[in-house]
Amino acid sequence: MKSYIFVDNIKCDGCVSTIKKKVGEIENISNVEVDIESGSVSFDCANDSCRLNVISTLKRWGYPQTGTGTKIDNAKSFVSCMIGRIDK
């Protein structure tokens, strides 16, 4: 099933790289796409459990669902962004 999540803090291709890598590592997730403009992350998953796992993973890396983030999430996203740029 195709799922969409809108998240905060997607700033650049480094962020996109980190998100695709981390979400792609989750079991039963495939076809991860990220749109910087809209702040959306789309992916295919088997059930709601997978979707909740993606939401949790994104928050852990500094990309919380839109409107639910904290200053700590913002700081985490800057680190994740830099990691994504290095890994790219």
Protein backbone atom coordinates (compact mmCIF):
# COMPACT_ATOMS: atom_id res chain seq x y z
CA MET A 1 0.00 0.00 0.00
CA LYS A 2 1.32 3.47 -0.88
CA SER A 3 1.74 5.79 2.12
CA TYR A 4 2.55 9.47 2.39
CA ILE A 5 3.91 11.31 5.40
CA PHE A 6 4.54 15.05 5.54
CA VAL A 7 7.53 15.96 7.66
CA ASP A 8 9.43 19.04 8.79
CA ASN A 9 13.09 19.96 8.22
CA ILE A 10 13.72 18.60 4.72
CA LYS A 11 16.14 21.21 3.41
CA CYS A 12 18.34 19.72 0.71
CA ASP A 13 19.56 16.66 -1.17
CA GLY A 14 21.56 15.63 1.92
CA CYS A 15 18.31 15.36 3.86
CA VAL A 16 16.76 13.39 0.99
CA SER A 17 19.72 11.01 0.96
CA THR A 18 19.51 10.38 4.72
CA ILE A 19 15.74 9.85 4.63
CA LYS A 20 15.89 7.43 1.69
CA LYS A 21 18.68 5.45 3.31
CA LYS A 22 17.16 5.22 6.80
CA VAL A 23 13.59 4.55 5.68
CA GLY A 24 14.83 2.10 3.06
CA GLU A 25 16.52 0.06 5.80
CA ILE A 26 13.17 -0.64 7.48
CA GLU A 27 11.81 -4.13 6.87
CA ASN A 28 8.86 -4.33 4.43
CA ILE A 29 9.42 -0.81 3.06
CA SER A 30 10.14 -0.14 -0.61
CA ASN A 31 9.99 2.61 -3.24
CA VAL A 32 10.96 5.47 -0.92
CA GLU A 33 10.57 8.89 -2.54
CA VAL A 34 11.15 12.31 -0.97
CA ASP A 35 9.87 15.67 -2.22
CA ILE A 36 11.75 18.65 -0.77
CA GLU A 37 9.17 21.22 -1.92
CA SER A 38 6.16 19.63 -0.22
CA GLY A 39 8.05 17.95 2.62
CA SER A 40 6.53 14.60 1.73
CA VAL A 41 7.95 11.13 2.06
CA SER A 42 6.16 8.39 0.14
CA PHE A 43 6.80 4.67 0.30
CA ASP A 44 5.19 1.29 -0.14
CA CYS A 45 4.51 -0.76 2.99
CA ALA A 46 2.53 -3.80 3.93
CA ASN A 47 0.54 -2.45 6.90
CA ASP A 48 0.04 0.32 9.46
CA SER A 49 2.78 -1.12 11.65
CA CYS A 50 5.33 -0.40 8.91
CA ARG A 51 3.97 3.13 8.54
CA LEU A 52 4.32 3.79 12.27
CA ASN A 53 7.86 2.45 12.12
CA VAL A 54 8.66 4.99 9.37
CA ILE A 55 7.20 7.84 11.42
CA SER A 56 9.29 6.81 14.42
CA THR A 57 12.47 6.47 12.35
CA LEU A 58 11.99 9.86 10.70
CA LYS A 59 11.47 11.56 14.06
CA ARG A 60 14.58 9.87 15.49
CA TRP A 61 16.63 11.37 12.61
CA GLY A 62 15.15 14.87 13.03
CA TYR A 63 12.28 14.73 10.54
CA PRO A 64 9.06 14.66 12.61
CA GLN A 65 5.60 14.76 11.11
CA THR A 66 4.66 18.32 10.17
CA GLY A 67 3.72 20.38 13.20
CA THR A 68 4.93 17.91 15.85
CA GLY A 69 8.63 18.77 16.00
CA THR A 70 10.76 20.33 18.71
CA LYS A 71 13.98 22.33 18.73
CA ILE A 72 15.83 19.08 19.39
CA ASP A 73 14.33 17.63 16.19
CA ASN A 74 15.60 20.69 14.30
CA ALA A 75 19.11 20.14 15.66
CA LYS A 76 19.00 16.43 14.78
CA SER A 77 17.94 17.27 11.25
CA PHE A 78 21.03 19.45 10.73
CA VAL A 79 23.26 16.54 11.76
CA SER A 80 21.29 14.12 9.55
CA CYS A 81 21.55 16.58 6.68
CA MET A 82 25.34 16.69 6.98
CA ILE A 83 25.56 12.89 7.19
CA GLY A 84 23.44 12.66 4.04
CA ARG A 85 25.75 15.07 2.22
CA ILE A 86 28.82 13.07 3.24
CA ASP A 87 27.26 9.72 2.29
CA LYS A 88 26.07 11.08 -1.05
